[in-house]
Structure formats: structure tokens, C-alpha cells
Amino acid sequence: MITAMEGRAATSIDPARPVGVFDSGVGGLTVLHELLVRLPHEDYVYLGDTAHFPYGERTAEEISHFATAIADVLLQRGAKLLVVACNAASAAALPRLREHLDRRHSAVEVIGVVDAAARQAVAHTHTGRIGLLATPAAVDSGAYRRAVDATGEWIELIAVPCPDLAPLIQSGFPFDAEVMDTVRGYCQPLRQAGVDTVILGCTHYPLVAPMLQRMLGPEVTLVGSGESVARTVQRALAARGLSRRRDTEGSYRFLCTGDVTAFEALGSRFLQMPLGEVDHVELPVALASGERP
């Protein structure tokens, strides 16, 4: 299902423009990776808001401010579609972000990661017991519960907030015993509940999928959002006549709000492809301080 896609005309948007993708850090590069593989003919511009990472413990108000500021930056770079490749921002900011675009009279549509992952998890479960590993902000928002309920299926959702897992991954942590114990502790409630499917409710978590699989057991299906989002983007672009010609390989470029060198060093690990040059951008000071613009 493509929400709010068919209702707007796209005649004013040039299909040659890039798809804009953003996250609070480098985790969203796991989503961009799937886009690059599934839609290699498209151009992409990715923004990592590393200056304000992590979003997981920020308020919904702060996250919404950051999301709208980032959307403006990506629109200035010509984005024809926005992908919120951040679970905390998808959970907390999508309604505000869509209202912001409406006020700007923008025809650009927004796709988040929460609904895509929830639908895929519901399709995979056989027992009706689904686990969720996510940041505190994503869990507290209730967005996954609403997305699961929207499928119309009866599902028991066991949500476990993981306040320090994304920062550990973002920092390029070593795979030591302390990290293993941290991950094991997050998985324990899900094992006790007997879930057969687990949503990786943060785009950083695919980087530790082998560790999570070991802790949860081989019979448990892990569901990330990258593949589902890529399929949703593909359908959205096709439905609105915005797909690029398939006879050329597209390009991708990167922006970040924090340290460029750190982004470059860690980003290629998440993307599994070379990053190339990364440009530094600043968000408006009013938004960075959490004040209303």
C-alpha cells in the first residue's frame, strides 16, 4: 500500500531529480544500500544528521524539528521523493513532516520505514507473536503498534527499548563480551515470550543481525526495513511517473551535519560501497536548539 501517493499530481516534478534519503546517522545507509541494489538507475542524495545523533532518546518535538529542517535541505538539492530512513523519525515526525510539505505546497511525497517493516513482519509470523527491538523514542511513540494494528491481524507485539545499541554500533564498537551481554539482555524478553519474528526497529541493527540471530535462535525471522522500503519506493515512483530511465547507472552523494571524516570512515561499512566525497551542512540554529522556527 502506498499511502497518500496517488492523490497528488506529479507533473511538476522532473523524473531526473534524485531521491532524498535521511537518517539521524549512518544507519539509514542500510536502507540506501537496498535502494541502490533494487533501483540502480535512480540518483540519490543522503543526509546523515550526525550532529544530533542519536534521535532515540530525543523528544518527538525535537525530532520533528530536525526532520522538517532536513527535508528543506533535501528539497533544495532537488529531491523528488523523501525517504525517512530512520525509525525514530518515522515514528515521531511523519505527520508533522507531511504538514510541513503541504504548507510549502510541495508535491514531494514522504515514505517512512515503520509501516513497511510492520507489514513484512505480520506477513512472516506464524504464531502471531512478534518482537520489536527499537530505540526508546520509537517504542514510546506507539507507531509500531499502530502499524501492526493497521494490517487487521491480531498480533501480540513485545517491544524492547534498546537505548544504547544504536550508539554502540554508530561508534564502530568492537565485538567484545560486553556488547554480547548487552545484546543478549535485549533478546532475553523476546525469547521468553516465544516470538517467531522480530522487527529490527532501527536501521543500525542489521549490522548486528548475525549476533541477534544467534541470541534469538535460527527459527526466528529477523525483519529489517530496507528491502520493504525499496519496494515501496519503486511502486511510488512508478505510480507517479517519476521513475528514471533504466539504461544508465544512477549516482549517489552524501551530506552530514557532523564530522565529515567520521562519517566517511564508518559510512562505507554500512553502505557496503564506496562513499566518495561527503559535504558538510548546517541545520538552522533555532531547530538545533529545539526551539520552534
Protein backbone atom coordinates (compact mmCIF):
# COMPACT_ATOMS: atom_id res chain seq x y z
CA MET A 1 0.00 0.00 0.00
CA ILE A 2 1.27 3.46 -0.92
CA THR A 3 -0.32 5.98 1.40
CA ALA A 4 -1.18 9.39 0.00
CA MET A 5 0.77 8.68 -3.17
CA GLU A 6 -1.98 8.52 -5.73
CA GLY A 7 -3.78 11.64 -4.57
CA ARG A 8 -1.29 14.21 -5.88
CA ALA A 9 -0.21 15.07 -9.37
CA ALA A 10 3.49 14.72 -10.10
CA THR A 11 3.58 16.55 -13.44
CA SER A 12 5.65 19.39 -11.99
CA ILE A 13 8.45 17.08 -10.83
CA ASP A 14 11.27 16.08 -13.17
CA PRO A 15 11.90 12.30 -13.03
CA ALA A 16 15.63 13.01 -13.45
CA ARG A 17 15.76 14.52 -9.96
CA PRO A 18 17.23 12.43 -7.09
CA VAL A 19 15.52 10.52 -4.32
CA GLY A 20 16.28 12.13 -0.94
CA VAL A 21 17.10 9.84 1.98
CA PHE A 22 17.88 10.84 5.56
CA ASP A 23 18.65 9.39 8.97
CA SER A 24 20.00 10.60 12.30
CA GLY A 25 23.33 8.97 11.47
CA VAL A 26 24.77 6.31 9.20
CA GLY A 27 22.22 3.58 9.97
CA GLY A 28 19.99 4.73 7.14
CA LEU A 29 22.75 3.70 4.74
CA THR A 30 21.47 0.13 5.17
CA VAL A 31 18.22 1.36 3.57
CA LEU A 32 20.11 3.28 0.90
CA HIS A 33 22.03 0.08 0.12
CA GLU A 34 18.76 -1.71 -0.71
CA LEU A 35 17.65 1.23 -2.85
CA LEU A 36 20.94 1.21 -4.77
CA VAL A 37 20.58 -2.51 -5.43
CA ARG A 38 16.87 -2.54 -6.33
CA LEU A 39 16.74 0.83 -8.15
CA PRO A 40 20.27 1.28 -9.54
CA HIS A 41 19.13 3.68 -12.27
CA GLU A 42 17.97 6.33 -9.77
CA ASP A 43 20.07 9.18 -8.36
CA TYR A 44 20.18 9.60 -4.56
CA VAL A 45 21.18 12.27 -2.07
CA TYR A 46 21.61 11.10 1.53
CA LEU A 47 21.78 13.30 4.62
CA GLY A 48 23.03 11.96 7.95
CA ASP A 49 22.19 14.24 10.87
CA THR A 50 25.19 13.07 12.88
CA ALA A 51 25.42 16.35 14.80
CA HIS A 52 22.19 15.43 16.61
CA PHE A 53 22.62 11.66 16.81
CA PRO A 54 21.06 9.70 18.43
CA TYR A 55 17.39 10.54 17.92
CA GLY A 56 16.34 7.57 20.06
CA GLU A 57 16.18 9.49 23.33
CA ARG A 58 15.05 12.86 21.96
CA THR A 59 11.51 14.20 22.22
CA ALA A 60 9.05 13.95 19.36
CA GLU A 61 9.12 17.74 19.14
CA GLU A 62 12.89 17.82 18.66
CA ILE A 63 12.83 15.01 16.09
CA SER A 64 10.06 16.76 14.14
CA HIS A 65 12.10 19.97 14.05
CA PHE A 66 15.15 18.15 12.74
CA ALA A 67 13.10 16.25 10.15
CA THR A 68 11.49 19.37 8.69
CA ALA A 69 14.84 21.17 8.52
CA ILE A 70 16.43 18.20 6.78
CA ALA A 71 13.52 17.97 4.34
CA ASP A 72 14.13 21.59 3.35
CA VAL A 73 17.81 20.87 2.72
CA LEU A 74 16.98 17.85 0.53
CA LEU A 75 14.31 19.76 -1.37
CA GLN A 76 16.90 22.46 -2.10
CA ARG A 77 19.03 19.65 -3.57
CA GLY A 78 16.12 18.76 -5.88
CA ALA A 79 14.69 15.66 -4.17
CA LYS A 80 11.65 14.23 -5.98
CA LEU A 81 10.74 11.85 -3.14
CA LEU A 82 11.79 11.71 0.53
CA VAL A 83 12.65 8.51 2.38
CA VAL A 84 12.82 8.81 6.16
CA ALA A 85 15.39 6.03 6.72
CA CYS A 86 15.21 6.46 10.49
CA ASN A 87 12.80 4.56 12.70
CA ALA A 88 12.66 7.21 15.42
CA ALA A 89 11.90 9.95 12.88
CA SER A 90 9.39 7.77 11.01
CA ALA A 91 7.63 7.05 14.31
CA ALA A 92 7.65 10.60 15.67
CA ALA A 93 7.75 13.03 12.76
CA LEU A 94 5.92 11.79 9.66
CA PRO A 95 2.62 13.66 10.26
CA ARG A 96 4.47 16.93 11.05
CA LEU A 97 6.74 16.43 8.05
CA ARG A 98 3.81 15.92 5.68
CA GLU A 99 2.08 19.01 7.08
CA HIS A 100 5.29 20.97 6.53
CA LEU A 101 5.43 19.91 2.89
CA ASP A 102 1.75 20.78 2.45
CA ARG A 103 2.42 24.29 3.77
CA ARG A 104 5.22 24.61 1.25
CA HIS A 105 2.81 23.45 -1.49
CA SER A 106 5.30 20.72 -2.31
CA ALA A 107 4.21 17.74 -4.41
CA VAL A 108 7.07 15.66 -2.97
CA GLU A 109 5.88 12.59 -1.06
CA VAL A 110 7.37 11.01 2.05
CA ILE A 111 7.93 7.32 2.81
CA GLY A 112 8.88 6.06 6.28
CA VAL A 113 10.32 2.77 7.46
CA VAL A 114 7.86 1.78 10.21
CA ASP A 115 4.85 0.70 8.12
CA ALA A 116 6.97 -1.27 5.66
CA ALA A 117 8.68 -3.32 8.37
CA ALA A 118 5.45 -3.91 10.30
CA ARG A 119 3.64 -5.25 7.22
CA GLN A 120 6.52 -7.57 6.39
CA ALA A 121 6.67 -8.91 9.97
CA VAL A 122 2.93 -9.62 10.04
CA ALA A 123 3.26 -11.47 6.73
CA HIS A 124 6.06 -13.66 8.16
CA THR A 125 4.71 -14.62 11.59
CA HIS A 126 3.01 -17.98 12.10
CA THR A 127 2.30 -17.64 15.81
CA GLY A 128 1.07 -14.04 15.96
CA ARG A 129 3.83 -13.16 18.44
CA ILE A 130 6.21 -10.51 17.08
CA GLY A 131 9.12 -8.92 18.87
CA LEU A 132 10.36 -5.38 18.38
CA LEU A 133 13.86 -4.12 19.14
CA ALA A 134 13.95 -0.34 18.77
CA THR A 135 15.10 2.94 20.27
CA PRO A 136 13.13 4.29 23.26
CA ALA A 137 11.62 7.03 21.08
CA ALA A 138 10.34 4.54 18.54
CA VAL A 139 8.89 2.27 21.23
CA ASP A 140 7.29 5.10 23.21
CA SER A 141 5.64 6.58 20.12
CA GLY A 142 3.42 3.53 19.69
CA ALA A 143 3.94 3.78 15.93
CA TYR A 144 4.76 0.10 15.51
CA ARG A 145 1.70 -0.93 17.49
CA ARG A 146 -0.47 1.25 15.25
CA ALA A 147 1.22 -0.04 12.09
CA VAL A 148 0.69 -3.66 13.13
CA ASP A 149 -2.94 -2.98 14.07
CA ALA A 150 -3.49 -1.35 10.66
CA THR A 151 -2.89 -4.72 8.98
CA GLY A 152 -6.10 -6.01 10.53
CA GLU A 153 -4.39 -9.07 12.02
CA TRP A 154 -4.40 -9.99 15.71
CA ILE A 155 -0.78 -9.69 16.80
CA GLU A 156 0.91 -9.78 20.19
CA LEU A 157 3.75 -7.24 19.96
CA ILE A 158 6.53 -7.49 22.54
CA ALA A 159 8.55 -4.26 22.38
CA VAL A 160 12.01 -3.92 23.95
CA PRO A 161 13.61 -0.44 24.06
CA CYS A 162 17.37 -0.53 23.40
CA PRO A 163 18.77 2.84 24.50
CA ASP A 164 22.45 2.15 23.91
CA LEU A 165 22.56 -0.28 20.98
CA ALA A 166 22.48 2.26 18.13
CA PRO A 167 25.17 4.46 19.74
CA LEU A 168 27.36 1.37 20.22
CA ILE A 169 27.02 0.46 16.55
CA GLN A 170 27.48 4.06 15.39
CA SER A 171 30.73 4.30 17.31
CA GLY A 172 32.15 1.29 15.48
CA PHE A 173 32.19 -0.85 18.60
CA PRO A 174 34.36 -3.97 18.97
CA PHE A 175 32.56 -7.30 19.12
CA ASP A 176 33.57 -7.95 22.72
CA ALA A 177 31.94 -9.79 25.61
CA GLU A 178 30.32 -6.62 26.97
CA VAL A 179 28.49 -5.96 23.70
CA MET A 180 27.42 -9.60 23.52
CA ASP A 181 25.97 -9.37 27.04
CA THR A 182 24.13 -6.15 26.12
CA VAL A 183 22.56 -7.72 23.05
CA ARG A 184 21.73 -10.92 24.98
CA GLY A 185 19.91 -8.86 27.60
CA TYR A 186 17.74 -7.19 24.97
CA CYS A 187 16.91 -10.53 23.35
CA GLN A 188 16.01 -12.33 26.59
CA PRO A 189 12.42 -10.96 26.91
CA LEU A 190 11.74 -11.93 23.31
CA ARG A 191 12.99 -15.47 23.85
CA GLN A 192 10.83 -15.77 26.96
CA ALA A 193 7.78 -14.57 25.02
CA GLY A 194 8.35 -17.17 22.29
CA VAL A 195 8.27 -14.75 19.37
CA ASP A 196 8.86 -16.21 15.91
CA THR A 197 9.53 -12.87 14.17
CA VAL A 198 11.50 -9.83 15.32
CA ILE A 199 11.38 -6.35 13.79
CA LEU A 200 14.75 -4.61 13.75
CA GLY A 201 13.28 -1.23 14.62
CA CYS A 202 16.43 0.79 13.98
CA THR A 203 18.34 0.99 10.72
CA HIS A 204 21.60 0.39 12.62
CA TYR A 205 20.57 -3.06 13.79
CA PRO A 206 21.14 -5.01 10.53
CA LEU A 207 24.85 -4.54 11.26
CA VAL A 208 24.49 -6.88 14.26
CA ALA A 209 21.93 -9.23 12.66
CA PRO A 210 24.22 -12.30 12.96
CA MET A 211 24.66 -11.63 16.68
CA LEU A 212 20.90 -11.12 17.14
CA GLN A 213 20.14 -14.29 15.19
CA ARG A 214 22.46 -16.29 17.43
CA MET A 215 20.82 -14.89 20.58
CA LEU A 216 17.24 -15.38 19.34
CA GLY A 217 17.72 -18.71 17.60
CA PRO A 218 17.74 -19.80 13.94
CA GLU A 219 13.96 -20.38 13.89
CA VAL A 220 13.24 -16.66 14.46
CA THR A 221 12.83 -14.44 11.39
CA LEU A 222 14.53 -11.05 11.54
CA VAL A 223 12.75 -8.29 9.63
CA GLY A 224 14.56 -5.11 8.63
CA SER A 225 13.06 -2.24 6.70
CA GLY A 226 15.47 -1.78 3.79
CA GLU A 227 14.02 -4.25 1.30
CA SER A 228 10.40 -3.31 2.09
CA VAL A 229 11.13 0.41 1.77
CA ALA A 230 12.91 -0.13 -1.56
CA ARG A 231 9.85 -1.92 -2.93
CA THR A 232 7.57 0.85 -1.67
CA VAL A 233 9.76 3.50 -3.32
CA GLN A 234 9.77 1.57 -6.57
CA ARG A 235 5.95 1.39 -6.60
CA ALA A 236 5.60 5.04 -5.59
CA LEU A 237 7.85 6.35 -8.35
CA ALA A 238 6.17 4.17 -10.97
CA ALA A 239 2.67 5.19 -9.85
CA ARG A 240 3.51 8.88 -10.17
CA GLY A 241 5.53 8.68 -13.38
CA LEU A 242 8.78 9.62 -11.64
CA SER A 243 10.96 6.59 -12.45
CA ARG A 244 14.16 7.34 -14.31
CA ARG A 245 15.12 5.58 -17.50
CA ARG A 246 16.74 2.22 -16.80
CA ASP A 247 19.51 2.41 -19.38
CA THR A 248 22.00 4.23 -17.14
CA GLU A 249 23.50 3.73 -13.69
CA GLY A 250 22.46 6.43 -11.24
CA SER A 251 24.70 8.40 -8.89
CA TYR A 252 24.66 8.94 -5.14
CA ARG A 253 26.07 11.69 -2.94
CA PHE A 254 26.22 12.42 0.77
CA LEU A 255 25.68 15.23 3.25
CA CYS A 256 26.18 15.21 7.01
CA THR A 257 25.72 17.71 9.81
CA GLY A 258 28.56 16.42 11.99
CA ASP A 259 32.15 15.34 11.47
CA VAL A 260 32.72 14.51 7.81
CA THR A 261 35.79 12.34 8.42
CA ALA A 262 33.96 10.16 10.95
CA PHE A 263 31.00 9.80 8.59
CA GLU A 264 33.26 8.72 5.74
CA ALA A 265 35.11 6.22 7.91
CA LEU A 266 32.00 4.47 9.22
CA GLY A 267 29.66 5.03 6.30
CA SER A 268 31.27 2.64 3.84
CA ARG A 269 30.82 -0.18 6.35
CA PHE A 270 27.07 0.44 6.45
CA LEU A 271 26.65 1.11 2.72
CA GLN A 272 28.96 -1.74 1.63
CA MET A 273 30.03 0.51 -1.24
CA PRO A 274 32.44 3.44 -1.58
CA LEU A 275 31.07 6.75 -0.31
CA GLY A 276 33.19 9.24 -2.19
CA GLU A 277 33.12 12.86 -1.06
CA VAL A 278 30.84 13.90 1.82
CA ASP A 279 29.71 17.53 2.15
CA HIS A 280 29.05 19.20 5.49
CA VAL A 281 25.77 21.08 6.01
CA GLU A 282 24.31 23.01 8.93
CA LEU A 283 20.71 22.90 10.13
CA PRO A 284 19.09 26.16 11.28
CA VAL A 285 20.20 27.15 14.78
CA ALA A 286 16.62 27.52 16.04
CA LEU A 287 15.90 23.89 15.18
CA ALA A 288 19.22 22.64 16.52
CA SER A 289 18.41 24.16 19.92
CA GLY A 290 14.96 22.62 19.99
CA GLU A 291 13.08 25.91 19.56
CA ARG A 292 10.21 26.43 17.18
CA PRO A 293 11.18 28.18 13.93
